[in-house]
Amino acid sequence: MTQTPKQVAATYFEAWIEKDFDTLASILHEDATFRGPLGTAVNGAECVAGLKGMSEIVTDIDIAHVFVDGPNVLTWFDLHTSIASPATTANWQRIEAGRIREITVTFDPRAILAAG
């Protein structure tokens, strides 16, 4: 059974914090794209590589709210890292047939960039 968009988004965050990159890869469309303040990706493999890189500094993801509108899921959370204070973050995902097709993230990256 195909997961709902909300379930797919939850799996994304659970897999990312657990560093389960096989599960992450399985829910990303092969042509998934990512745009955010620290980088971009043009396919699922690049998305996984970027998440692997970020996982080296991510210590927690504290989700405050999840908004769902059909295939669109917006997750509002605090991104905790080992190098900077938490960054309030918005992560929008467009999900098609149980797989993430597009991710756009926004947050203020200055503290992370200054620490790096």
N, C-alpha and C. Protein backbone atom coordinates (compact mmCIF):
# COMPACT_ATOMS: atom_id res chain seq x y z
N MET A 1 0.83 -1.18 0.00
CA MET A 1 0.00 0.00 0.00
C MET A 1 0.88 1.26 0.00
N THR A 2 0.56 2.21 -0.85
CA THR A 2 1.32 3.45 -0.94
C THR A 2 1.06 4.30 0.30
N GLN A 3 2.14 4.85 0.84
CA GLN A 3 2.01 5.73 2.00
C GLN A 3 1.38 7.06 1.58
N THR A 4 0.71 7.71 2.53
CA THR A 4 0.18 9.05 2.29
C THR A 4 1.36 10.02 2.23
N PRO A 5 1.16 11.21 1.65
CA PRO A 5 2.23 12.20 1.66
C PRO A 5 2.75 12.50 3.06
N LYS A 6 1.86 12.59 4.04
CA LYS A 6 2.30 12.86 5.42
C LYS A 6 3.19 11.73 5.93
N GLN A 7 2.83 10.49 5.63
CA GLN A 7 3.65 9.34 6.06
C GLN A 7 5.01 9.33 5.37
N VAL A 8 5.04 9.67 4.09
CA VAL A 8 6.31 9.72 3.37
C VAL A 8 7.21 10.79 3.99
N ALA A 9 6.67 11.95 4.28
CA ALA A 9 7.45 13.02 4.90
C ALA A 9 7.98 12.58 6.26
N ALA A 10 7.15 11.90 7.05
CA ALA A 10 7.60 11.41 8.36
C ALA A 10 8.73 10.40 8.20
N THR A 11 8.60 9.52 7.22
CA THR A 11 9.66 8.53 6.95
C THR A 11 10.96 9.22 6.58
N TYR A 12 10.88 10.28 5.79
CA TYR A 12 12.05 11.06 5.38
C TYR A 12 12.81 11.57 6.61
N PHE A 13 12.09 12.21 7.52
CA PHE A 13 12.74 12.78 8.69
C PHE A 13 13.26 11.70 9.64
N GLU A 14 12.50 10.63 9.84
CA GLU A 14 12.95 9.53 10.69
C GLU A 14 14.21 8.89 10.12
N ALA A 15 14.21 8.64 8.82
CA ALA A 15 15.37 8.00 8.19
C ALA A 15 16.59 8.93 8.24
N TRP A 16 16.38 10.21 8.05
CA TRP A 16 17.50 11.15 8.06
C TRP A 16 18.15 11.19 9.43
N ILE A 17 17.34 11.33 10.50
CA ILE A 17 17.91 11.42 11.84
C ILE A 17 18.56 10.10 12.26
N GLU A 18 18.03 8.97 11.75
CA GLU A 18 18.60 7.66 12.06
C GLU A 18 19.75 7.27 11.12
N LYS A 19 20.03 8.14 10.14
CA LYS A 19 21.09 7.89 9.14
C LYS A 19 20.83 6.60 8.37
N ASP A 20 19.56 6.38 8.07
CA ASP A 20 19.14 5.21 7.29
C ASP A 20 19.00 5.66 5.83
N PHE A 21 20.13 5.72 5.14
CA PHE A 21 20.16 6.28 3.80
C PHE A 21 19.55 5.35 2.75
N ASP A 22 19.46 4.06 3.03
CA ASP A 22 18.77 3.15 2.13
C ASP A 22 17.27 3.47 2.10
N THR A 23 16.69 3.71 3.29
CA THR A 23 15.28 4.08 3.35
C THR A 23 15.07 5.43 2.68
N LEU A 24 15.95 6.39 2.93
CA LEU A 24 15.83 7.68 2.28
C LEU A 24 15.83 7.53 0.76
N ALA A 25 16.76 6.76 0.25
CA ALA A 25 16.84 6.56 -1.20
C ALA A 25 15.56 5.93 -1.74
N SER A 26 14.95 5.05 -0.95
CA SER A 26 13.77 4.32 -1.43
C SER A 26 12.53 5.21 -1.55
N ILE A 27 12.50 6.34 -0.84
CA ILE A 27 11.32 7.22 -0.90
C ILE A 27 11.56 8.44 -1.78
N LEU A 28 12.74 8.54 -2.36
CA LEU A 28 13.03 9.64 -3.28
C LEU A 28 12.85 9.16 -4.72
N HIS A 29 12.17 9.97 -5.51
CA HIS A 29 12.06 9.69 -6.94
C HIS A 29 13.47 9.79 -7.52
N GLU A 30 13.78 9.00 -8.53
CA GLU A 30 15.13 9.04 -9.12
C GLU A 30 15.46 10.42 -9.67
N ASP A 31 14.46 11.21 -10.04
CA ASP A 31 14.67 12.57 -10.54
C ASP A 31 14.33 13.63 -9.50
N ALA A 32 14.34 13.25 -8.22
CA ALA A 32 14.02 14.20 -7.15
C ALA A 32 15.00 15.38 -7.20
N THR A 33 14.48 16.56 -6.90
CA THR A 33 15.32 17.75 -6.84
C THR A 33 15.29 18.33 -5.43
N PHE A 34 16.35 19.06 -5.12
CA PHE A 34 16.47 19.72 -3.82
C PHE A 34 17.02 21.12 -4.05
N ARG A 35 16.42 22.09 -3.34
CA ARG A 35 16.94 23.46 -3.33
C ARG A 35 16.92 23.96 -1.90
N GLY A 36 18.06 24.48 -1.44
CA GLY A 36 18.14 25.02 -0.10
C GLY A 36 19.29 25.98 0.02
N PRO A 37 19.44 26.61 1.20
CA PRO A 37 20.47 27.63 1.37
C PRO A 37 21.90 27.08 1.35
N LEU A 38 22.07 25.77 1.53
CA LEU A 38 23.41 25.20 1.55
C LEU A 38 23.72 24.35 0.32
N GLY A 39 22.77 24.25 -0.62
CA GLY A 39 23.06 23.47 -1.81
C GLY A 39 21.84 23.11 -2.62
N THR A 40 22.12 22.42 -3.72
CA THR A 40 21.07 21.95 -4.61
C THR A 40 21.41 20.52 -5.03
N ALA A 41 20.40 19.82 -5.51
CA ALA A 41 20.58 18.47 -6.05
C ALA A 41 19.61 18.31 -7.21
N VAL A 42 20.04 17.55 -8.23
CA VAL A 42 19.20 17.40 -9.42
C VAL A 42 18.68 15.99 -9.61
N ASN A 43 18.98 15.09 -8.66
CA ASN A 43 18.42 13.73 -8.74
C ASN A 43 18.44 13.11 -7.35
N GLY A 44 17.81 11.96 -7.23
CA GLY A 44 17.70 11.30 -5.94
C GLY A 44 19.03 10.97 -5.31
N ALA A 45 19.98 10.51 -6.12
CA ALA A 45 21.31 10.16 -5.59
C ALA A 45 22.01 11.39 -5.00
N GLU A 46 21.89 12.53 -5.68
CA GLU A 46 22.49 13.75 -5.15
C GLU A 46 21.79 14.20 -3.88
N CYS A 47 20.47 14.00 -3.81
CA CYS A 47 19.72 14.33 -2.58
C CYS A 47 20.24 13.51 -1.41
N VAL A 48 20.42 12.21 -1.62
CA VAL A 48 20.93 11.35 -0.55
C VAL A 48 22.33 11.78 -0.15
N ALA A 49 23.18 12.09 -1.12
CA ALA A 49 24.54 12.53 -0.81
C ALA A 49 24.52 13.80 0.04
N GLY A 50 23.64 14.74 -0.29
CA GLY A 50 23.53 15.96 0.49
C GLY A 50 23.04 15.70 1.91
N LEU A 51 22.07 14.81 2.05
CA LEU A 51 21.57 14.45 3.38
C LEU A 51 22.64 13.74 4.20
N LYS A 52 23.44 12.90 3.55
CA LYS A 52 24.56 12.26 4.25
C LYS A 52 25.52 13.31 4.78
N GLY A 53 25.83 14.29 3.94
CA GLY A 53 26.73 15.36 4.37
C GLY A 53 26.17 16.14 5.55
N MET A 54 24.91 16.51 5.47
CA MET A 54 24.29 17.25 6.57
C MET A 54 24.20 16.40 7.84
N SER A 55 24.03 15.09 7.68
CA SER A 55 23.87 14.23 8.86
C SER A 55 25.13 14.21 9.72
N GLU A 56 26.25 14.62 9.15
CA GLU A 56 27.49 14.67 9.93
C GLU A 56 27.44 15.72 11.03
N ILE A 57 26.59 16.74 10.86
CA ILE A 57 26.47 17.78 11.90
C ILE A 57 25.10 17.82 12.56
N VAL A 58 24.08 17.18 11.98
CA VAL A 58 22.73 17.21 12.56
C VAL A 58 22.68 16.31 13.78
N THR A 59 22.19 16.87 14.88
CA THR A 59 22.05 16.09 16.12
C THR A 59 20.59 15.79 16.46
N ASP A 60 19.67 16.62 15.95
CA ASP A 60 18.25 16.39 16.21
C ASP A 60 17.41 17.22 15.24
N ILE A 61 16.20 16.78 15.04
CA ILE A 61 15.21 17.50 14.26
C ILE A 61 13.96 17.55 15.12
N ASP A 62 13.64 18.75 15.61
CA ASP A 62 12.50 18.93 16.52
C ASP A 62 11.33 19.51 15.72
N ILE A 63 10.42 18.63 15.30
CA ILE A 63 9.31 19.03 14.45
C ILE A 63 8.23 19.70 15.28
N ALA A 64 7.86 20.91 14.86
CA ALA A 64 6.81 21.67 15.55
C ALA A 64 5.45 21.43 14.91
N HIS A 65 5.41 21.37 13.57
CA HIS A 65 4.12 21.18 12.90
C HIS A 65 4.32 20.67 11.48
N VAL A 66 3.35 19.91 11.02
CA VAL A 66 3.34 19.40 9.66
C VAL A 66 2.04 19.85 9.01
N PHE A 67 2.15 20.52 7.88
CA PHE A 67 1.00 21.00 7.12
C PHE A 67 0.89 20.17 5.85
N VAL A 68 -0.29 19.64 5.56
CA VAL A 68 -0.49 18.80 4.38
C VAL A 68 -1.57 19.42 3.50
N ASP A 69 -1.27 19.53 2.22
CA ASP A 69 -2.23 20.02 1.23
C ASP A 69 -2.09 19.13 0.00
N GLY A 70 -2.88 18.07 -0.05
CA GLY A 70 -2.78 17.11 -1.15
C GLY A 70 -1.40 16.48 -1.19
N PRO A 71 -0.67 16.62 -2.31
CA PRO A 71 0.65 16.00 -2.42
C PRO A 71 1.76 16.86 -1.82
N ASN A 72 1.41 17.99 -1.26
CA ASN A 72 2.38 18.93 -0.70
C ASN A 72 2.42 18.81 0.82
N VAL A 73 3.64 18.70 1.35
CA VAL A 73 3.82 18.61 2.80
C VAL A 73 4.86 19.66 3.20
N LEU A 74 4.48 20.51 4.14
CA LEU A 74 5.39 21.50 4.69
C LEU A 74 5.65 21.13 6.14
N THR A 75 6.91 20.91 6.47
CA THR A 75 7.30 20.56 7.83
C THR A 75 8.08 21.72 8.43
N TRP A 76 7.60 22.21 9.56
CA TRP A 76 8.22 23.33 10.27
C TRP A 76 8.96 22.73 11.46
N PHE A 77 10.28 22.96 11.55
CA PHE A 77 11.05 22.31 12.60
C PHE A 77 12.29 23.12 12.98
N ASP A 78 12.88 22.75 14.12
CA ASP A 78 14.18 23.30 14.52
C ASP A 78 15.24 22.26 14.18
N LEU A 79 16.22 22.70 13.39
CA LEU A 79 17.33 21.86 12.98
C LEU A 79 18.47 22.06 13.97
N HIS A 80 18.75 21.03 14.76
CA HIS A 80 19.82 21.09 15.75
C HIS A 80 21.09 20.51 15.15
N THR A 81 22.18 21.24 15.33
CA THR A 81 23.47 20.76 14.83
C THR A 81 24.52 20.80 15.92
N SER A 82 25.62 20.14 15.66
CA SER A 82 26.72 20.12 16.62
C SER A 82 27.59 21.37 16.52
N ILE A 83 27.32 22.24 15.53
CA ILE A 83 28.21 23.38 15.30
C ILE A 83 27.55 24.74 15.46
N ALA A 84 26.22 24.78 15.63
CA ALA A 84 25.53 26.07 15.70
C ALA A 84 24.24 25.91 16.50
N SER A 85 23.68 27.06 16.87
CA SER A 85 22.39 27.03 17.57
C SER A 85 21.31 26.53 16.61
N PRO A 86 20.20 26.05 17.15
CA PRO A 86 19.14 25.51 16.28
C PRO A 86 18.66 26.53 15.24
N ALA A 87 18.40 26.02 14.05
CA ALA A 87 17.90 26.85 12.95
C ALA A 87 16.45 26.49 12.68
N THR A 88 15.55 27.46 12.83
CA THR A 88 14.15 27.24 12.50
C THR A 88 14.07 27.06 10.99
N THR A 89 13.42 25.97 10.57
CA THR A 89 13.49 25.53 9.19
C THR A 89 12.11 25.18 8.65
N ALA A 90 11.88 25.52 7.37
CA ALA A 90 10.69 25.09 6.65
C ALA A 90 11.16 24.16 5.53
N ASN A 91 10.56 22.98 5.45
CA ASN A 91 10.89 21.99 4.43
C ASN A 91 9.61 21.65 3.69
N TRP A 92 9.56 22.02 2.40
CA TRP A 92 8.39 21.71 1.56
C TRP A 92 8.75 20.56 0.65
N GLN A 93 7.87 19.57 0.60
CA GLN A 93 8.05 18.41 -0.27
C GLN A 93 6.82 18.23 -1.13
N ARG A 94 7.05 17.90 -2.41
CA ARG A 94 5.96 17.49 -3.31
C ARG A 94 6.13 16.00 -3.53
N ILE A 95 5.09 15.26 -3.21
CA ILE A 95 5.15 13.80 -3.20
C ILE A 95 4.20 13.25 -4.25
N GLU A 96 4.72 12.35 -5.08
CA GLU A 96 3.93 11.72 -6.14
C GLU A 96 4.05 10.20 -6.01
N ALA A 97 2.92 9.53 -5.97
CA ALA A 97 2.88 8.06 -5.93
C ALA A 97 3.79 7.49 -4.84
N GLY A 98 3.78 8.12 -3.68
CA GLY A 98 4.52 7.59 -2.54
C GLY A 98 6.01 7.89 -2.53
N ARG A 99 6.48 8.76 -3.44
CA ARG A 99 7.90 9.11 -3.49
C ARG A 99 8.06 10.62 -3.60
N ILE A 100 9.11 11.13 -2.98
CA ILE A 100 9.36 12.57 -2.99
C ILE A 100 9.95 12.97 -4.34
N ARG A 101 9.30 13.94 -4.97
CA ARG A 101 9.73 14.42 -6.28
C ARG A 101 10.53 15.72 -6.16
N GLU A 102 10.18 16.54 -5.16
CA GLU A 102 10.79 17.86 -5.05
C GLU A 102 10.86 18.27 -3.59
N ILE A 103 12.01 18.86 -3.20
CA ILE A 103 12.20 19.37 -1.84
C ILE A 103 12.76 20.78 -1.93
N THR A 104 12.15 21.68 -1.19
CA THR A 104 12.68 23.04 -1.06
C THR A 104 12.76 23.35 0.42
N VAL A 105 13.92 23.83 0.84
CA VAL A 105 14.16 24.10 2.26
C VAL A 105 14.59 25.55 2.42
N THR A 106 14.14 26.17 3.50
CA THR A 106 14.61 27.51 3.80
C THR A 106 14.88 27.64 5.30
N PHE A 107 16.00 28.28 5.59
CA PHE A 107 16.38 28.63 6.96
C PHE A 107 17.51 29.64 6.86
N ASP A 108 17.83 30.27 7.97
CA ASP A 108 18.93 31.23 8.01
C ASP A 108 20.22 30.43 8.23
N PRO A 109 21.10 30.34 7.24
CA PRO A 109 22.29 29.49 7.35
C PRO A 109 23.51 30.18 7.98
N ARG A 110 23.38 31.43 8.38
CA ARG A 110 24.57 32.19 8.79
C ARG A 110 25.36 31.53 9.93
N ALA A 111 24.69 31.01 10.95
CA ALA A 111 25.41 30.41 12.07
C ALA A 111 26.15 29.15 11.63
N ILE A 112 25.53 28.35 10.79
CA ILE A 112 26.18 27.14 10.29
C ILE A 112 27.38 27.49 9.41
N LEU A 113 27.19 28.46 8.52
CA LEU A 113 28.29 28.86 7.64
C LEU A 113 29.45 29.46 8.43
N ALA A 114 29.15 30.24 9.47
CA ALA A 114 30.20 30.86 10.29
C ALA A 114 31.00 29.79 11.04
N ALA A 115 30.33 28.71 11.44
CA ALA A 115 31.00 27.66 12.20
C ALA A 115 31.82 26.75 11.31
N GLY A 116 31.44 26.67 10.02
CA GLY A 116 32.09 25.73 9.09
C GLY A 116 33.35 26.20 8.57
